[in-house]
Amino acid sequence: MNPIDIQITQVDRLGLLLAQIADLTKEADTIKDQLKEAATAGGPSSYEGNLYRATVVSSNRQVVDYKGLVADLGVTDEQLQMFTKITAVFAVKTVSR
């Protein structure tokens, strides 16, 4: 059986890289979750490796309920439109075939 020669294009390379990044991100997130769970269960908040140190930090995130604020203030769609800025955004969507 002869191997099939497949020309890897730049798009194919991008897809392969994105797949590797997704796998690595999933693995990193699993490790981060384990460290956070251990720290919140009363364990240490800092972990030493041979090459790196990982520290679990806690912070409070403050988020404004934009829709609630607009509704409470009685802001109309026309008023929102006056302060709305439209910007062109470009993205590259990559899917396997």
N, C-alpha and C. Protein backbone atom coordinates (compact mmCIF):
# COMPACT_ATOMS: atom_id res chain seq x y z
N MET A 1 0.85 -1.18 0.00
CA MET A 1 0.00 0.00 0.00
C MET A 1 0.89 1.24 0.00
N ASN A 2 0.59 2.17 -0.87
CA ASN A 2 1.35 3.41 -0.95
C ASN A 2 0.72 4.47 -0.07
N PRO A 3 1.55 5.19 0.67
CA PRO A 3 0.97 6.28 1.47
C PRO A 3 0.46 7.37 0.54
N ILE A 4 -0.60 8.01 0.95
CA ILE A 4 -1.19 9.10 0.17
C ILE A 4 -0.50 10.39 0.57
N ASP A 5 -0.01 11.09 -0.44
CA ASP A 5 0.62 12.38 -0.18
C ASP A 5 -0.47 13.45 -0.09
N ILE A 6 -0.52 14.09 1.03
CA ILE A 6 -1.49 15.17 1.23
C ILE A 6 -0.72 16.46 1.42
N GLN A 7 -1.04 17.42 0.61
CA GLN A 7 -0.40 18.73 0.72
C GLN A 7 -1.06 19.48 1.87
N ILE A 8 -0.30 19.77 2.91
CA ILE A 8 -0.82 20.52 4.05
C ILE A 8 -0.74 22.01 3.71
N THR A 9 -1.89 22.63 3.68
CA THR A 9 -1.95 24.06 3.37
C THR A 9 -1.84 24.87 4.65
N GLN A 10 -1.74 26.16 4.49
CA GLN A 10 -1.69 27.06 5.65
C GLN A 10 -2.97 26.93 6.48
N VAL A 11 -4.10 26.76 5.80
CA VAL A 11 -5.37 26.59 6.50
C VAL A 11 -5.37 25.29 7.29
N ASP A 12 -4.85 24.21 6.69
CA ASP A 12 -4.76 22.94 7.40
C ASP A 12 -3.86 23.06 8.63
N ARG A 13 -2.76 23.76 8.48
CA ARG A 13 -1.83 23.97 9.61
C ARG A 13 -2.52 24.72 10.72
N LEU A 14 -3.30 25.75 10.35
CA LEU A 14 -4.06 26.51 11.34
C LEU A 14 -5.02 25.60 12.09
N GLY A 15 -5.74 24.76 11.36
CA GLY A 15 -6.68 23.84 11.99
C GLY A 15 -5.99 22.88 12.95
N LEU A 16 -4.84 22.35 12.53
CA LEU A 16 -4.08 21.45 13.40
C LEU A 16 -3.60 22.16 14.65
N LEU A 17 -3.10 23.37 14.49
CA LEU A 17 -2.63 24.14 15.65
C LEU A 17 -3.78 24.44 16.61
N LEU A 18 -4.93 24.83 16.07
CA LEU A 18 -6.07 25.14 16.93
C LEU A 18 -6.55 23.90 17.68
N ALA A 19 -6.49 22.74 17.03
CA ALA A 19 -6.87 21.49 17.70
C ALA A 19 -5.90 21.18 18.84
N GLN A 20 -4.60 21.38 18.61
CA GLN A 20 -3.61 21.15 19.67
C GLN A 20 -3.81 22.12 20.82
N ILE A 21 -4.08 23.37 20.49
CA ILE A 21 -4.31 24.38 21.53
C ILE A 21 -5.53 24.00 22.36
N ALA A 22 -6.58 23.52 21.71
CA ALA A 22 -7.79 23.12 22.44
C ALA A 22 -7.48 21.98 23.41
N ASP A 23 -6.71 20.99 22.95
CA ASP A 23 -6.34 19.87 23.82
C ASP A 23 -5.49 20.33 24.99
N LEU A 24 -4.51 21.18 24.71
CA LEU A 24 -3.63 21.68 25.77
C LEU A 24 -4.39 22.56 26.76
N THR A 25 -5.31 23.37 26.26
CA THR A 25 -6.12 24.23 27.14
C THR A 25 -6.99 23.38 28.06
N LYS A 26 -7.57 22.32 27.52
CA LYS A 26 -8.40 21.43 28.33
C LYS A 26 -7.56 20.80 29.45
N GLU A 27 -6.37 20.35 29.11
CA GLU A 27 -5.48 19.74 30.11
C GLU A 27 -5.07 20.77 31.17
N ALA A 28 -4.71 21.98 30.73
CA ALA A 28 -4.31 23.03 31.68
C ALA A 28 -5.48 23.40 32.59
N ASP A 29 -6.68 23.51 32.03
CA ASP A 29 -7.86 23.85 32.83
C ASP A 29 -8.15 22.78 33.88
N THR A 30 -7.94 21.52 33.53
CA THR A 30 -8.15 20.43 34.49
C THR A 30 -7.18 20.57 35.67
N ILE A 31 -5.92 20.86 35.38
CA ILE A 31 -4.93 21.04 36.44
C ILE A 31 -5.27 22.26 37.29
N LYS A 32 -5.65 23.36 36.66
CA LYS A 32 -6.04 24.57 37.40
C LYS A 32 -7.22 24.28 38.32
N ASP A 33 -8.21 23.55 37.82
CA ASP A 33 -9.38 23.21 38.64
C ASP A 33 -8.97 22.38 39.85
N GLN A 34 -8.05 21.44 39.67
CA GLN A 34 -7.59 20.62 40.79
C GLN A 34 -6.89 21.48 41.84
N LEU A 35 -6.06 22.41 41.39
CA LEU A 35 -5.35 23.29 42.33
C LEU A 35 -6.33 24.19 43.07
N LYS A 36 -7.32 24.73 42.36
CA LYS A 36 -8.32 25.61 43.00
C LYS A 36 -9.15 24.84 44.01
N GLU A 37 -9.55 23.61 43.65
CA GLU A 37 -10.34 22.79 44.58
C GLU A 37 -9.54 22.49 45.84
N ALA A 38 -8.28 22.16 45.69
CA ALA A 38 -7.44 21.85 46.85
C ALA A 38 -7.27 23.09 47.73
N ALA A 39 -7.07 24.24 47.12
CA ALA A 39 -6.87 25.48 47.89
C ALA A 39 -8.13 25.90 48.61
N THR A 40 -9.29 25.77 47.98
CA THR A 40 -10.54 26.18 48.64
C THR A 40 -10.99 25.19 49.69
N ALA A 41 -10.43 23.98 49.66
CA ALA A 41 -10.76 22.98 50.68
C ALA A 41 -9.84 23.10 51.89
N GLY A 42 -9.10 24.19 51.98
CA GLY A 42 -8.23 24.40 53.12
C GLY A 42 -6.78 24.03 52.87
N GLY A 43 -6.49 23.62 51.66
CA GLY A 43 -5.11 23.26 51.33
C GLY A 43 -4.27 24.50 51.06
N PRO A 44 -3.05 24.30 50.65
CA PRO A 44 -2.18 25.45 50.38
C PRO A 44 -2.66 26.24 49.17
N SER A 45 -2.28 27.51 49.12
CA SER A 45 -2.67 28.33 47.97
C SER A 45 -1.50 28.51 47.01
N SER A 46 -0.34 27.98 47.36
CA SER A 46 0.82 28.08 46.50
C SER A 46 1.43 26.70 46.32
N TYR A 47 1.79 26.38 45.09
CA TYR A 47 2.32 25.06 44.77
C TYR A 47 3.64 25.22 44.03
N GLU A 48 4.63 24.45 44.42
CA GLU A 48 5.96 24.53 43.83
C GLU A 48 6.21 23.34 42.92
N GLY A 49 6.67 23.63 41.73
CA GLY A 49 7.15 22.59 40.82
C GLY A 49 8.65 22.72 40.72
N ASN A 50 9.25 21.93 39.86
CA ASN A 50 10.70 22.04 39.65
C ASN A 50 11.04 23.26 38.81
N LEU A 51 10.12 23.67 37.95
CA LEU A 51 10.38 24.79 37.04
C LEU A 51 9.46 25.99 37.28
N TYR A 52 8.29 25.75 37.84
CA TYR A 52 7.30 26.81 37.99
C TYR A 52 6.66 26.78 39.37
N ARG A 53 6.07 27.90 39.74
CA ARG A 53 5.25 28.00 40.94
C ARG A 53 3.85 28.43 40.50
N ALA A 54 2.83 27.82 41.09
CA ALA A 54 1.45 28.19 40.81
C ALA A 54 0.82 28.68 42.10
N THR A 55 0.13 29.80 42.03
CA THR A 55 -0.53 30.37 43.20
C THR A 55 -2.00 30.56 42.88
N VAL A 56 -2.85 30.09 43.77
CA VAL A 56 -4.29 30.28 43.63
C VAL A 56 -4.65 31.57 44.34
N VAL A 57 -5.26 32.49 43.62
CA VAL A 57 -5.66 33.77 44.20
C VAL A 57 -7.17 33.92 44.11
N SER A 58 -7.72 34.61 45.08
CA SER A 58 -9.15 34.86 45.12
C SER A 58 -9.38 36.36 44.94
N SER A 59 -10.39 36.69 44.16
CA SER A 59 -10.74 38.10 43.98
C SER A 59 -12.24 38.20 43.74
N ASN A 60 -12.76 39.38 43.97
CA ASN A 60 -14.18 39.63 43.72
C ASN A 60 -14.32 40.36 42.40
N ARG A 61 -15.26 39.92 41.60
CA ARG A 61 -15.51 40.54 40.31
C ARG A 61 -16.82 41.32 40.41
N GLN A 62 -16.78 42.55 39.99
CA GLN A 62 -17.96 43.41 40.03
C GLN A 62 -18.45 43.61 38.60
N VAL A 63 -19.73 43.32 38.37
CA VAL A 63 -20.31 43.43 37.04
C VAL A 63 -21.57 44.27 37.12
N VAL A 64 -21.70 45.22 36.21
CA VAL A 64 -22.90 46.05 36.16
C VAL A 64 -23.94 45.36 35.29
N ASP A 65 -25.15 45.24 35.80
CA ASP A 65 -26.27 44.68 35.03
C ASP A 65 -26.74 45.75 34.05
N TYR A 66 -26.15 45.75 32.86
CA TYR A 66 -26.40 46.78 31.86
C TYR A 66 -27.88 46.85 31.49
N LYS A 67 -28.48 45.69 31.20
CA LYS A 67 -29.90 45.68 30.80
C LYS A 67 -30.78 46.19 31.93
N GLY A 68 -30.48 45.78 33.15
CA GLY A 68 -31.26 46.24 34.30
C GLY A 68 -31.12 47.73 34.51
N LEU A 69 -29.91 48.25 34.37
CA LEU A 69 -29.66 49.68 34.53
C LEU A 69 -30.42 50.49 33.48
N VAL A 70 -30.34 50.06 32.23
CA VAL A 70 -31.03 50.75 31.14
C VAL A 70 -32.54 50.74 31.38
N ALA A 71 -33.07 49.60 31.81
CA ALA A 71 -34.51 49.50 32.07
C ALA A 71 -34.90 50.39 33.24
N ASP A 72 -34.11 50.39 34.31
CA ASP A 72 -34.41 51.18 35.50
C ASP A 72 -34.38 52.68 35.20
N LEU A 73 -33.47 53.10 34.34
CA LEU A 73 -33.36 54.51 33.99
C LEU A 73 -34.32 54.92 32.88
N GLY A 74 -35.00 53.95 32.30
CA GLY A 74 -35.96 54.26 31.25
C GLY A 74 -35.31 54.73 29.96
N VAL A 75 -34.13 54.24 29.67
CA VAL A 75 -33.42 54.64 28.45
C VAL A 75 -34.09 53.97 27.25
N THR A 76 -34.37 54.77 26.22
CA THR A 76 -35.05 54.24 25.04
C THR A 76 -34.03 53.68 24.05
N ASP A 77 -34.53 52.91 23.09
CA ASP A 77 -33.67 52.37 22.05
C ASP A 77 -33.03 53.48 21.24
N GLU A 78 -33.77 54.55 21.02
CA GLU A 78 -33.23 55.68 20.26
C GLU A 78 -32.07 56.33 21.02
N GLN A 79 -32.20 56.46 22.32
CA GLN A 79 -31.12 57.03 23.13
C GLN A 79 -29.89 56.12 23.11
N LEU A 80 -30.11 54.83 23.20
CA LEU A 80 -28.99 53.88 23.13
C LEU A 80 -28.29 53.98 21.78
N GLN A 81 -29.07 54.12 20.72
CA GLN A 81 -28.51 54.21 19.38
C GLN A 81 -27.60 55.42 19.23
N MET A 82 -27.92 56.51 19.91
CA MET A 82 -27.11 57.73 19.83
C MET A 82 -25.70 57.50 20.39
N PHE A 83 -25.56 56.56 21.31
CA PHE A 83 -24.27 56.30 21.95
C PHE A 83 -23.68 54.94 21.55
N THR A 84 -24.21 54.37 20.49
CA THR A 84 -23.73 53.08 20.01
C THR A 84 -22.70 53.29 18.91
N LYS A 85 -21.58 52.62 19.04
CA LYS A 85 -20.50 52.72 18.07
C LYS A 85 -20.37 51.38 17.36
N ILE A 86 -20.31 51.41 16.05
CA ILE A 86 -20.19 50.18 15.26
C ILE A 86 -18.77 50.10 14.71
N THR A 87 -18.14 48.96 14.93
CA THR A 87 -16.78 48.74 14.48
C THR A 87 -16.72 47.43 13.71
N ALA A 88 -16.06 47.43 12.58
CA ALA A 88 -15.88 46.19 11.82
C ALA A 88 -14.91 45.28 12.57
N VAL A 89 -15.28 44.03 12.70
CA VAL A 89 -14.46 43.05 13.40
C VAL A 89 -14.27 41.86 12.45
N PHE A 90 -13.06 41.41 12.33
CA PHE A 90 -12.76 40.28 11.47
C PHE A 90 -12.32 39.10 12.32
N ALA A 91 -12.80 37.92 11.96
CA ALA A 91 -12.43 36.70 12.67
C ALA A 91 -12.19 35.60 11.64
N VAL A 92 -11.41 34.62 12.02
CA VAL A 92 -11.19 33.46 11.16
C VAL A 92 -11.83 32.27 11.86
N LYS A 93 -12.86 31.73 11.24
CA LYS A 93 -13.53 30.54 11.77
C LYS A 93 -12.93 29.33 11.07
N THR A 94 -12.51 28.35 11.83
CA THR A 94 -11.86 27.18 11.26
C THR A 94 -12.60 25.93 11.73
N VAL A 95 -13.03 25.10 10.79
CA VAL A 95 -13.73 23.85 11.12
C VAL A 95 -13.12 22.72 10.30
N SER A 96 -13.23 21.51 10.82
CA SER A 96 -12.71 20.36 10.07
C SER A 96 -13.70 19.98 8.97
N ARG A 97 -13.18 19.35 7.93
CA ARG A 97 -14.04 18.96 6.80
C ARG A 97 -14.36 17.49 6.87
